């Protein structure tokens, strides 16, 4: 009996151990965070009461989504008017965009409160505070006249026309920044429990931009941030290199950069079109092509800067738009077909010259939403600003860091945010001021461009050296996970160098065209030789006739 009891006890203990090992153990907060870290994306809901500010001139929702694209989030967008019970179930994080201050359903507030983290912008925060029972919370509303922002990085001036929603978050809160005027200070952004709040959402003024990035990095674990680049990197882009560019000027620019031993990119245009309609293809400029090939071989990355940087409404390369009708300030007719045609022709012309683009930049950064959608089928890396509306090319934005852009259909956006040198309004000091302001943000990424046709390189040296003094290192596009291809050209990076598969039919066509051109050139040379021989013969005959006449005259005079 005793032996049976022992066997029973051992068997029971073994079964109990198996049960404990197979049963799920409720996770503590720390364990939940650890599990979140193993997930690729956080399930994020963006709840909004309005998409635009100032009519339709500032697409605020789209701009916020672009900022959030810096993080690995599964973005789901929902209007408060379209919300239904259960719509926010399972949210890891909820972002609330409050531009109008609408009255929110209590059940909606309850669903928001159940999210792991909440990030609230501007209005209606008092409704959430009441639901959560924050009795010591106070809400004063939107106020203007602020002169500066004070954060952990110091005090920065802001325009006094900027309005901020003023709150007092109460006990147990942590203030991260405040706004200040001659009358005193008020909290700008803070955290209480799992709620993060920012009282002024602005994407253009550098101090408010820094505050936005700061609150996002506090609310979203940094492990979810994009890792396409290290912080404090800068991309140098040589701009508008086309068949119209003088090789001597470009050589001076490229030699200057080579002296610093830094990576850079070149925005190349395949066709040069003058105002009179005359066209020159890039392959027809062998000296220029040789320069670009050497640059590519020594580390420069080629960016496709459109096909001709012009269209029928602005017909001059470099000055004209290409993917935008500047006459009507709207998209091109048959936008999809137009975009595909230009991109595929540019791939072929660049490949014909032995140049392999790894990213795309639209002329003047102007492109429609449909154009971006088409473009994303050819490239996964985009350089420049983002046009965030089809209403006008003037509605655009830039960012302080790399993002996986929702508006660009998931392309990786390398923002241009420093400007360029033109010797007039844009000077070196302006560019370096912009890059210095970016250092106030987390994971800053800077970009500037310099035109390849400029004959002076002193300003370029100043920007390179100034960016280095600020702590920036220069960014290599080839470090990106590149996808760049068309039906006839496929580019990839192999051992740090761009290579390409090119459709054999296209190569055969180029060889045929080159042979015909060589034949025409040879025939033209032969023709000139024949003309010269004929002229020489005629000249000789005329000379002989003249000589004979003179001789005959002299004989007659002697007689």
Protein backbone atom coordinates (compact mmCIF):
# COMPACT_ATOMS: atom_id res chain seq x y z
CA UNK A 1 0.00 0.00 0.00
CA UNK A 2 2.83 2.34 0.89
CA UNK A 3 4.52 1.57 -2.45
CA UNK A 4 1.31 2.35 -4.36
CA UNK A 5 1.04 5.66 -2.54
CA UNK A 6 4.60 6.57 -3.49
CA UNK A 7 3.94 5.67 -7.13
CA UNK A 8 0.75 7.72 -7.07
CA UNK A 9 2.56 10.69 -5.55
CA UNK A 10 5.32 10.53 -8.19
CA UNK A 11 2.79 10.18 -11.00
CA UNK A 12 0.70 13.08 -9.66
CA UNK A 13 3.78 15.31 -9.30
CA UNK A 14 4.86 14.49 -12.86
CA UNK A 15 1.41 15.30 -14.27
CA UNK A 16 1.29 18.52 -12.24
CA UNK A 17 4.68 19.54 -13.62
CA UNK A 18 3.52 18.87 -17.18
CA UNK A 19 0.38 20.90 -16.55
CA UNK A 20 2.41 23.87 -15.24
CA UNK A 21 4.80 23.76 -18.18
CA UNK A 22 2.03 23.59 -20.78
CA UNK A 23 -0.27 26.23 -19.23
CA UNK A 24 0.17 29.91 -20.16
CA UNK A 25 1.48 32.06 -17.34
CA UNK A 26 0.00 35.55 -17.07
CA UNK A 27 2.67 37.98 -18.17
CA UNK A 28 3.81 40.82 -15.97
CA UNK A 29 4.23 44.32 -17.44
CA UNK A 30 7.93 43.75 -18.05
CA UNK A 31 7.28 40.43 -19.75
CA UNK A 32 4.62 42.05 -21.95
CA UNK A 33 7.10 44.70 -23.08
CA UNK A 34 9.67 41.99 -23.83
CA UNK A 35 7.16 40.16 -25.96
CA UNK A 36 6.28 43.40 -27.74
CA UNK A 37 9.95 43.78 -28.57
CA UNK A 38 9.86 40.48 -30.43
CA UNK A 39 6.99 41.64 -32.65
CA UNK A 40 7.70 43.25 -35.96
CA UNK A 41 5.05 45.96 -35.65
CA UNK A 42 2.80 47.56 -33.06
CA UNK A 43 -0.90 47.67 -33.86
CA UNK A 44 -1.56 51.41 -33.99
CA UNK A 45 -4.87 53.23 -34.49
CA UNK A 46 -4.94 56.86 -35.59
CA UNK A 47 -8.27 58.32 -34.50
CA UNK A 48 -9.04 61.81 -35.83
CA UNK A 49 -11.79 64.40 -35.78
CA UNK A 50 -10.48 66.30 -38.86
CA UNK A 51 -7.92 65.57 -41.57
CA UNK A 52 -6.98 69.14 -42.47
CA UNK A 53 -6.09 72.43 -40.84
CA UNK A 54 -6.56 75.82 -42.56
CA UNK A 55 -9.10 74.50 -45.05
CA UNK A 56 -7.35 71.91 -47.17
CA UNK A 57 -3.98 73.67 -47.22
CA UNK A 58 -2.44 71.58 -44.43
CA UNK A 59 -3.18 67.84 -44.61
CA UNK A 60 -2.48 67.28 -40.92
CA UNK A 61 -3.51 63.63 -40.80
CA UNK A 62 -1.26 62.71 -43.74
CA UNK A 63 1.64 64.63 -42.19
CA UNK A 64 1.22 62.81 -38.87
CA UNK A 65 1.18 59.48 -40.68
CA UNK A 66 4.46 60.40 -42.38
CA UNK A 67 6.07 61.07 -39.00
CA UNK A 68 4.75 57.78 -37.65
CA UNK A 69 6.20 55.99 -40.68
CA UNK A 70 9.56 56.25 -38.93
CA UNK A 71 8.37 53.50 -36.59
CA UNK A 72 7.34 49.91 -37.22
CA UNK A 73 3.62 50.41 -36.75
CA UNK A 74 0.67 48.71 -38.35
CA UNK A 75 -1.23 51.93 -39.02
CA UNK A 76 -5.03 51.87 -39.03
CA UNK A 77 -6.79 55.17 -39.63
CA UNK A 78 -10.31 55.89 -38.35
CA UNK A 79 -12.52 58.98 -38.16
CA UNK A 80 -14.37 59.55 -34.89
CA UNK A 81 -17.56 59.73 -36.95
CA UNK A 82 -16.90 56.28 -38.42
CA UNK A 83 -16.03 54.69 -35.08
CA UNK A 84 -18.25 51.84 -33.90
CA UNK A 85 -18.05 49.86 -30.65
CA UNK A 86 -15.18 47.39 -30.77
CA UNK A 87 -13.32 49.24 -33.56
CA UNK A 88 -10.28 49.88 -31.34
CA UNK A 89 -10.16 46.43 -29.81
CA UNK A 90 -6.65 45.01 -29.64
CA UNK A 91 -4.86 48.35 -30.07
CA UNK A 92 -1.31 48.47 -28.73
CA UNK A 93 -1.24 52.23 -29.11
CA UNK A 94 -3.84 54.87 -30.02
CA UNK A 95 -2.97 58.26 -31.50
CA UNK A 96 -5.75 60.82 -31.19
CA UNK A 97 -5.69 63.84 -33.50
CA UNK A 98 -7.94 66.49 -31.98
CA UNK A 99 -8.25 69.51 -34.26
CA UNK A 100 -11.90 70.48 -33.67
CA UNK A 101 -12.71 69.47 -30.09
CA UNK A 102 -15.72 67.25 -30.85
CA UNK A 103 -17.70 65.60 -28.07
CA UNK A 104 -16.60 61.96 -27.94
CA UNK A 105 -18.81 58.98 -27.00
CA UNK A 106 -18.07 57.60 -23.55
CA UNK A 107 -17.76 54.08 -24.95
CA UNK A 108 -15.12 55.33 -27.39
CA UNK A 109 -13.17 56.85 -24.51
CA UNK A 110 -13.39 53.52 -22.73
CA UNK A 111 -11.87 51.71 -25.70
CA UNK A 112 -9.10 54.31 -25.99
CA UNK A 113 -8.33 53.93 -22.27
CA UNK A 114 -7.78 50.17 -22.72
CA UNK A 115 -4.93 50.68 -25.20
CA UNK A 116 -1.44 49.96 -23.96
CA UNK A 117 -0.37 53.54 -24.70
CA UNK A 118 -2.20 56.69 -25.76
CA UNK A 119 -0.69 59.66 -27.60
CA UNK A 120 -3.04 62.67 -27.71
CA UNK A 121 -2.63 65.80 -29.80
CA UNK A 122 -4.29 69.12 -28.94
CA UNK A 123 -8.05 69.22 -28.26
CA UNK A 124 -10.56 67.00 -26.38
CA UNK A 125 -7.94 65.79 -23.88
CA UNK A 126 -10.16 67.04 -21.03
CA UNK A 127 -12.77 64.44 -22.00
CA UNK A 128 -10.26 61.60 -21.62
CA UNK A 129 -9.04 63.11 -18.33
CA UNK A 130 -12.61 63.15 -16.98
CA UNK A 131 -13.19 59.56 -18.04
CA UNK A 132 -9.97 58.47 -16.31
CA UNK A 133 -10.99 60.35 -13.14
CA UNK A 134 -8.16 62.88 -13.10
CA UNK A 135 -9.83 65.32 -10.70
CA UNK A 136 -6.77 67.57 -10.45
CA UNK A 137 -6.52 67.98 -14.25
CA UNK A 138 -7.39 71.38 -15.74
CA UNK A 139 -7.93 72.50 -19.33
CA UNK A 140 -7.64 76.14 -20.41
CA UNK A 141 -7.96 75.74 -24.19
CA UNK A 142 -5.99 77.16 -27.09
CA UNK A 143 -3.89 80.28 -26.44
CA UNK A 144 -1.43 82.31 -28.55
CA UNK A 145 1.33 84.79 -27.88
CA UNK A 146 3.99 82.24 -26.94
CA UNK A 147 7.55 83.27 -27.67
CA UNK A 148 9.65 80.17 -27.01
CA UNK A 149 9.69 76.45 -26.26
CA UNK A 150 11.70 75.03 -23.36
CA UNK A 151 12.72 71.35 -23.48
CA UNK A 152 15.60 69.15 -22.34
CA UNK A 153 17.70 70.60 -25.17
CA UNK A 154 17.21 74.19 -24.01
CA UNK A 155 15.07 77.17 -25.07
CA UNK A 156 14.17 77.84 -28.70
CA UNK A 157 12.15 80.76 -30.13
CA UNK A 158 8.82 80.22 -31.91
CA UNK A 159 6.52 82.63 -33.83
CA UNK A 160 4.10 84.42 -31.51
CA UNK A 161 1.16 83.54 -33.80
CA UNK A 162 1.39 79.86 -32.88
CA UNK A 163 -1.48 78.65 -30.69
CA UNK A 164 -1.00 75.93 -28.08
CA UNK A 165 -3.60 74.08 -26.04
CA UNK A 166 -2.84 74.83 -22.40
CA UNK A 167 -3.40 72.14 -19.78
CA UNK A 168 -2.35 71.36 -16.24
CA UNK A 169 -1.95 67.57 -16.11
CA UNK A 170 -2.04 67.22 -12.32
CA UNK A 171 -0.27 65.06 -9.76
CA UNK A 172 1.85 62.15 -10.89
CA UNK A 173 2.52 63.64 -14.31
CA UNK A 174 5.91 64.26 -15.88
CA UNK A 175 6.43 67.43 -17.92
CA UNK A 176 8.83 67.18 -20.85
CA UNK A 177 8.54 70.69 -22.29
CA UNK A 178 6.77 74.01 -21.87
CA UNK A 179 5.94 77.17 -23.80
CA UNK A 180 6.89 80.58 -22.48
CA UNK A 181 5.88 84.22 -22.89
CA UNK A 182 6.36 87.37 -20.85
CA UNK A 183 3.58 86.22 -18.52
CA UNK A 184 5.11 82.90 -17.60
CA UNK A 185 5.18 79.25 -18.71
CA UNK A 186 2.66 76.50 -19.44
CA UNK A 187 3.16 72.76 -20.09
CA UNK A 188 3.47 71.89 -23.78
CA UNK A 189 3.90 68.13 -23.63
CA UNK A 190 3.79 65.65 -20.78
CA UNK A 191 2.97 62.13 -19.63
CA UNK A 192 0.54 60.92 -17.00
CA UNK A 193 0.16 57.17 -16.49
CA UNK A 194 0.08 55.70 -20.02
CA UNK A 195 -1.14 58.93 -21.66
CA UNK A 196 1.31 61.11 -23.62
CA UNK A 197 0.15 64.56 -24.63
CA UNK A 198 1.34 67.35 -27.00
CA UNK A 199 -0.55 70.66 -27.03
CA UNK A 200 0.67 71.96 -30.41
CA UNK A 201 1.05 69.79 -33.50
CA UNK A 202 3.23 71.57 -36.05
CA UNK A 203 5.40 69.99 -38.76
CA UNK A 204 7.29 73.03 -40.00
CA UNK A 205 8.68 75.12 -37.13
CA UNK A 206 11.87 73.40 -35.94
CA UNK A 207 11.24 73.65 -32.14
CA UNK A 208 7.73 72.20 -32.45
CA UNK A 209 9.04 69.57 -34.84
CA UNK A 210 11.58 68.58 -32.19
CA UNK A 211 8.84 68.41 -29.54
CA UNK A 212 6.75 66.13 -31.75
CA UNK A 213 9.65 63.75 -32.40
CA UNK A 214 10.52 63.76 -28.69
CA UNK A 215 7.01 62.77 -27.57
CA UNK A 216 6.88 60.03 -30.22
CA UNK A 217 10.20 58.58 -29.09
CA UNK A 218 9.00 58.65 -25.47
CA UNK A 219 5.68 56.99 -26.26
CA UNK A 220 6.95 54.41 -28.79
CA UNK A 221 9.79 52.14 -27.64
CA UNK A 222 12.94 52.99 -29.57
CA UNK A 223 13.31 49.38 -30.74
CA UNK A 224 10.41 50.09 -33.11
CA UNK A 225 12.26 52.96 -34.83
CA UNK A 226 13.48 52.45 -38.39
CA UNK A 227 17.09 51.30 -38.52
CA UNK A 228 17.96 52.24 -42.11
CA UNK A 229 20.59 54.71 -40.93
CA UNK A 230 22.54 55.72 -37.88
CA UNK A 231 21.63 59.06 -36.26
CA UNK A 232 23.40 62.20 -37.46
CA UNK A 233 23.95 61.22 -41.07
CA UNK A 234 23.77 63.58 -44.03
CA UNK A 235 23.17 62.86 -47.71
CA UNK A 236 24.96 65.01 -50.29
CA UNK A 237 23.17 65.06 -53.63
CA UNK A 238 24.60 66.61 -56.81
CA UNK A 239 21.60 67.96 -58.68
CA UNK A 240 20.33 68.41 -62.25
CA UNK A 241 23.10 66.63 -64.15
CA UNK A 242 21.77 66.39 -67.70
CA UNK A 243 23.15 66.28 -71.28
CA UNK A 244 23.15 70.09 -71.07
CA UNK A 245 25.66 70.09 -68.17
CA UNK A 246 29.17 71.26 -69.03
CA UNK A 247 31.63 68.41 -68.29
CA UNK A 248 34.27 70.85 -67.01
CA UNK A 249 31.90 72.25 -64.35
CA UNK A 250 30.79 68.78 -63.21
CA UNK A 251 34.40 67.58 -63.11
CA UNK A 252 35.27 70.41 -60.73
CA UNK A 253 32.39 69.50 -58.41
CA UNK A 254 33.18 65.78 -58.42
CA UNK A 255 36.90 66.37 -57.87
CA UNK A 256 36.07 68.54 -54.86
CA UNK A 257 33.98 65.78 -53.31
CA UNK A 258 36.62 63.15 -54.11
CA UNK A 259 39.07 65.17 -52.03
CA UNK A 260 36.97 64.47 -48.93
CA UNK A 261 36.56 60.74 -49.60
CA UNK A 262 32.84 60.78 -48.75
CA UNK A 263 29.88 58.94 -50.30
CA UNK A 264 27.34 61.01 -52.25
CA UNK A 265 24.61 60.79 -54.87
CA UNK A 266 24.05 62.33 -58.30
CA UNK A 267 20.62 63.20 -59.64
CA UNK A 268 20.83 62.39 -63.36
CA UNK A 269 18.45 63.48 -66.15
CA UNK A 270 18.47 61.32 -69.29
CA UNK A 271 17.42 63.90 -71.91
CA UNK A 272 18.32 67.55 -72.32
CA UNK A 273 15.60 69.68 -73.94
CA UNK A 274 16.08 73.35 -74.82
CA UNK A 275 13.34 75.93 -75.14
CA UNK A 276 13.34 75.55 -78.92
CA UNK A 277 12.51 71.85 -78.57
CA UNK A 278 15.93 70.50 -79.58
CA UNK A 279 16.84 67.33 -77.69
CA UNK A 280 20.13 65.72 -76.70
CA UNK A 281 20.29 62.21 -75.25
CA UNK A 282 22.75 61.43 -72.50
CA UNK A 283 24.51 58.74 -74.54
CA UNK A 284 25.28 61.42 -77.13
CA UNK A 285 27.57 63.14 -74.60
CA UNK A 286 30.42 60.60 -74.19
CA UNK A 287 32.66 62.89 -72.14
CA UNK A 288 29.87 63.53 -69.64
CA UNK A 289 28.95 59.83 -69.53
CA UNK A 290 32.57 58.88 -68.83
CA UNK A 291 32.63 61.31 -65.89
CA UNK A 292 29.46 59.79 -64.44
CA UNK A 293 30.71 56.24 -64.94
CA UNK A 294 33.93 57.01 -63.07
CA UNK A 295 31.93 58.62 -60.26
CA UNK A 296 29.68 55.57 -60.01
CA UNK A 297 32.68 53.26 -59.98
CA UNK A 298 34.33 55.26 -57.19
CA UNK A 299 31.27 55.19 -54.91
CA UNK A 300 28.69 57.72 -56.10
CA UNK A 301 25.06 56.54 -56.19
CA UNK A 302 22.94 57.44 -59.21
CA UNK A 303 19.46 58.86 -58.55
CA UNK A 304 16.96 58.98 -61.40
CA UNK A 305 15.90 62.64 -61.49
CA UNK A 306 13.04 62.11 -63.90
CA UNK A 307 13.58 61.51 -67.61
CA UNK A 308 13.76 65.00 -69.11
CA UNK A 309 12.92 67.35 -66.18
CA UNK A 310 10.39 69.05 -68.48
CA UNK A 311 7.02 68.55 -70.13
CA UNK A 312 4.82 70.32 -72.67
CA UNK A 313 3.71 72.89 -70.08
CA UNK A 314 7.24 73.84 -69.00
CA UNK A 315 9.49 72.76 -71.90
CA UNK A 316 13.06 73.29 -70.75
CA UNK A 317 15.19 70.73 -68.93
CA UNK A 318 16.19 71.72 -65.41
CA UNK A 319 13.71 74.57 -65.16
CA UNK A 320 10.58 72.67 -66.15
CA UNK A 321 8.33 70.35 -64.20
CA UNK A 322 7.87 66.82 -65.50
CA UNK A 323 5.24 64.86 -63.59
CA UNK A 324 3.05 67.89 -62.84
CA UNK A 325 1.02 70.29 -64.98
CA UNK A 326 2.27 73.64 -63.70
CA UNK A 327 -0.21 75.53 -65.91
CA UNK A 328 -3.22 74.14 -64.07
CA UNK A 329 -1.33 73.26 -60.88
CA UNK A 330 -2.65 69.73 -61.13
CA UNK A 331 -1.70 66.19 -62.13
CA UNK A 332 -0.80 65.35 -65.72
CA UNK A 333 -3.46 63.90 -67.98
CA UNK A 334 -3.42 60.09 -67.95
CA UNK A 335 -1.03 60.34 -65.04
CA UNK A 336 -0.38 56.62 -64.71
CA UNK A 337 0.60 56.01 -68.34
CA UNK A 338 2.67 59.21 -68.49
CA UNK A 339 4.62 58.27 -65.35
CA UNK A 340 5.29 54.72 -66.48
CA UNK A 341 6.50 55.85 -69.90
CA UNK A 342 8.96 58.40 -68.50
CA UNK A 343 10.37 56.10 -65.82
CA UNK A 344 10.89 53.15 -68.15
CA UNK A 345 12.55 55.30 -70.81
CA UNK A 346 14.85 56.78 -68.16
CA UNK A 347 15.86 53.30 -66.96
CA UNK A 348 16.79 52.35 -70.53
CA UNK A 349 18.75 55.50 -71.30
CA UNK A 350 20.71 55.34 -68.05
CA UNK A 351 21.46 51.65 -68.58
CA UNK A 352 22.63 52.42 -72.12
CA UNK A 353 25.18 54.74 -70.52
CA UNK A 354 26.24 52.11 -67.95
CA UNK A 355 24.53 54.03 -65.13
CA UNK A 356 22.30 52.21 -62.64
CA UNK A 357 19.89 54.25 -60.49
CA UNK A 358 19.21 53.14 -56.92
CA UNK A 359 16.62 55.78 -55.97
CA UNK A 360 14.22 58.30 -57.49
CA UNK A 361 13.68 62.05 -57.14
CA UNK A 362 10.88 63.83 -59.04
CA UNK A 363 11.72 67.22 -60.59
CA UNK A 364 10.75 70.02 -58.21
CA UNK A 365 9.43 67.25 -55.89
CA UNK A 366 6.07 67.57 -57.71
CA UNK A 367 4.07 64.38 -58.23
CA UNK A 368 0.51 63.20 -57.72
CA UNK A 369 -0.67 60.47 -55.35
CA UNK A 370 -1.26 58.23 -58.37
CA UNK A 371 2.25 59.04 -59.60
CA UNK A 372 3.72 57.96 -56.26
CA UNK A 373 1.71 54.75 -56.42
CA UNK A 374 3.10 53.97 -59.89
CA UNK A 375 6.62 54.98 -58.86
CA UNK A 376 6.60 52.58 -55.89
CA UNK A 377 6.39 49.70 -58.35
CA UNK A 378 9.80 50.67 -59.75
CA UNK A 379 11.72 51.95 -56.70
CA UNK A 380 11.68 51.46 -52.93
CA UNK A 381 13.90 54.47 -52.09
CA UNK A 382 12.82 58.09 -52.62
CA UNK A 383 14.90 61.23 -52.13
CA UNK A 384 13.35 64.66 -51.57
CA UNK A 385 10.27 66.29 -50.13
CA UNK A 386 6.78 64.79 -50.23
CA UNK A 387 3.93 66.53 -52.04
CA UNK A 388 1.04 65.66 -49.72
CA UNK A 389 -1.89 66.81 -51.86
CA UNK A 390 -3.13 66.74 -55.44
CA UNK A 391 -4.55 70.24 -54.94
CA UNK A 392 -1.24 72.05 -55.47
CA UNK A 393 2.47 71.32 -55.75
CA UNK A 394 2.96 73.94 -53.02
CA UNK A 395 1.43 71.61 -50.41
CA UNK A 396 4.42 69.55 -49.41
CA UNK A 397 6.49 68.63 -46.38
CA UNK A 398 9.86 67.37 -45.29
CA UNK A 399 10.87 65.38 -42.20
CA UNK A 400 13.77 65.30 -39.75
CA UNK A 401 14.44 61.58 -40.10
CA UNK A 402 14.12 58.61 -42.45
CA UNK A 403 10.63 57.19 -42.71
CA UNK A 404 8.80 54.40 -44.48
CA UNK A 405 6.29 56.69 -46.09
CA UNK A 406 2.59 55.71 -46.07
CA UNK A 407 1.86 58.47 -48.62
CA UNK A 408 4.58 57.15 -50.93
CA UNK A 409 3.03 53.69 -50.80
CA UNK A 410 5.70 52.35 -48.45
CA UNK A 411 8.82 53.73 -50.14
CA UNK A 412 11.72 54.60 -47.85
CA UNK A 413 11.90 58.39 -47.75
CA UNK A 414 15.27 60.13 -47.46
CA UNK A 415 14.08 63.67 -46.72
CA UNK A 416 15.78 66.74 -48.19
CA UNK A 417 15.63 69.24 -45.33
CA UNK A 418 18.71 71.49 -45.50
CA UNK A 419 18.05 73.25 -48.80
CA UNK A 420 20.64 74.18 -51.39
CA UNK A 421 23.07 76.90 -52.35
CA UNK A 422 22.06 79.42 -55.00
CA UNK A 423 24.19 82.42 -54.01
CA UNK A 424 21.04 84.41 -53.28
CA UNK A 425 18.33 83.57 -50.78
CA UNK A 426 19.80 80.15 -49.97
CA UNK A 427 23.30 80.46 -48.55
CA UNK A 428 25.67 78.17 -46.72
CA UNK A 429 24.75 79.65 -43.34
CA UNK A 430 21.06 78.93 -43.97
CA UNK A 431 21.81 75.32 -44.82
CA UNK A 432 23.95 74.78 -41.73
CA UNK A 433 21.33 76.44 -39.53
CA UNK A 434 18.82 73.89 -40.82
CA UNK A 435 21.13 70.94 -40.15
CA UNK A 436 21.88 72.29 -36.66
CA UNK A 437 18.15 72.49 -35.86
CA UNK A 438 17.73 68.83 -36.86
CA UNK A 439 20.20 67.87 -34.13
CA UNK A 440 17.47 68.76 -31.60
CA UNK A 441 15.51 65.71 -32.77
CA UNK A 442 16.02 62.00 -32.20
CA UNK A 443 17.74 60.09 -35.03
CA UNK A 444 18.33 63.21 -37.20
CA UNK A 445 18.90 62.66 -40.92
CA UNK A 446 19.94 65.63 -43.07
CA UNK A 447 20.16 66.13 -46.82
CA UNK A 448 21.23 68.98 -49.10
CA UNK A 449 21.95 69.36 -52.80
CA UNK A 450 24.43 71.26 -54.92
CA UNK A 451 24.04 71.87 -58.64
CA UNK A 452 26.49 70.10 -60.92
CA UNK A 453 26.66 73.03 -63.32
CA UNK A 454 28.09 75.50 -60.77
CA UNK A 455 31.62 76.57 -61.58
CA UNK A 456 32.45 77.55 -58.01
CA UNK A 457 32.98 74.85 -55.37
CA UNK A 458 33.93 76.94 -52.32
CA UNK A 459 30.34 76.89 -50.95
CA UNK A 460 30.26 73.11 -51.35
CA UNK A 461 33.43 72.81 -49.29
CA UNK A 462 31.92 75.04 -46.59
CA UNK A 463 28.79 72.91 -46.27
CA UNK A 464 30.71 69.62 -46.17
CA UNK A 465 33.11 70.89 -43.53
CA UNK A 466 30.33 72.60 -41.56
CA UNK A 467 28.22 69.43 -41.45
CA UNK A 468 31.23 67.49 -40.24
CA UNK A 469 31.84 69.99 -37.45
CA UNK A 470 28.23 69.49 -36.38
CA UNK A 471 28.93 65.78 -35.96
CA UNK A 472 27.33 64.46 -39.15
CA UNK A 473 28.79 61.58 -41.15
CA UNK A 474 27.99 61.23 -44.84
CA UNK A 475 25.36 58.71 -45.86
CA UNK A 476 25.90 56.01 -48.48
CA UNK A 477 22.75 55.16 -50.44
CA UNK A 478 24.22 51.77 -51.25
CA UNK A 479 23.82 50.76 -47.62
CA UNK A 480 20.05 50.66 -48.18
CA UNK A 481 18.03 47.55 -49.10
CA UNK A 482 17.72 48.67 -52.73
CA UNK A 483 14.90 47.69 -55.10
CA UNK A 484 15.07 49.44 -58.48
CA UNK A 485 13.76 47.83 -61.65
CA UNK A 486 11.64 48.12 -64.75
CA UNK A 487 10.54 45.37 -67.17
CA UNK A 488 13.77 45.87 -69.14
CA UNK A 489 16.30 46.86 -66.44
CA UNK A 490 16.83 45.38 -62.97
CA UNK A 491 19.37 47.01 -60.64
CA UNK A 492 20.88 45.39 -57.57
CA UNK A 493 23.79 46.04 -55.23
CA UNK A 494 26.45 43.33 -55.30
CA UNK A 495 29.42 43.65 -52.93
CA UNK A 496 28.61 47.33 -52.46
CA UNK A 497 28.46 48.09 -56.19
CA UNK A 498 25.43 48.58 -58.44
CA UNK A 499 24.99 46.10 -61.25
CA UNK A 500 22.13 45.54 -63.64
CA UNK A 501 20.42 42.97 -65.80
CA UNK A 502 19.36 44.58 -69.07
CA UNK A 503 16.96 43.09 -71.58
CA UNK A 504 19.07 41.60 -74.43
CA UNK A 505 16.59 43.02 -76.96
CA UNK A 506 17.33 46.54 -75.68
CA UNK A 507 21.08 45.93 -75.91
CA UNK A 508 20.69 44.63 -79.46
CA UNK A 509 18.67 47.71 -80.38
CA UNK A 510 21.35 50.04 -78.97
CA UNK A 511 24.08 48.20 -80.89
CA UNK A 512 22.05 48.48 -84.06
CA UNK A 513 21.49 52.19 -83.49
CA UNK A 514 25.16 52.70 -82.67
CA UNK A 515 26.18 50.83 -85.82
CA UNK A 516 23.83 52.95 -87.92
CA UNK A 517 25.12 56.09 -86.25
CA UNK A 518 28.70 54.97 -86.86
CA UNK A 519 27.83 54.21 -90.47
CA UNK A 520 26.19 57.59 -90.90
CA UNK A 521 29.19 59.22 -89.29
CA UNK A 522 31.54 57.30 -91.59
CA UNK A 523 29.49 58.20 -94.65
CA UNK A 524 29.47 61.79 -93.52
CA UNK A 525 33.25 61.69 -93.16
CA UNK A 526 33.60 60.09 -96.58
CA UNK A 527 31.27 62.70 -97.98
CA UNK A 528 33.39 65.48 -96.52
CA UNK A 529 36.54 63.86 -97.90
CA UNK A 530 34.96 63.68 -101.34
CA UNK A 531 33.89 67.29 -101.10
CA UNK A 532 37.38 68.32 -100.03
CA UNK A 533 38.97 66.31 -102.89
CA UNK A 534 36.56 67.86 -105.37
CA UNK A 535 37.24 71.34 -104.04
CA UNK A 536 40.98 70.67 -104.20
CA UNK A 537 40.65 69.46 -107.80
CA UNK A 538 38.56 72.45 -108.77
CA UNK A 539 41.02 74.76 -107.03
CA UNK A 540 43.92 73.09 -108.84
CA UNK A 541 42.19 73.39 -112.23
CA UNK A 542 41.31 77.01 -111.56
CA UNK A 543 44.90 77.62 -110.49
CA UNK A 544 46.23 76.01 -113.65
CA UNK A 545 43.89 78.05 -115.84
CA UNK A 546 44.88 81.28 -114.08
CA UNK A 547 48.55 80.38 -114.42
CA UNK A 548 48.19 79.61 -118.14
CA UNK A 549 46.37 82.86 -118.75
CA UNK A 550 49.05 84.86 -116.97
CA UNK A 551 51.75 83.05 -118.94
CA UNK A 552 49.93 83.68 -122.23
CA UNK A 553 49.59 87.37 -121.39
CA UNK A 554 53.29 87.71 -120.63
CA UNK A 555 54.20 86.04 -123.95
CA UNK A 556 51.89 88.36 -125.86
CA UNK A 557 53.39 91.44 -124.14
CA UNK A 558 56.95 90.30 -125.05
CA UNK A 559 56.00 89.92 -128.72
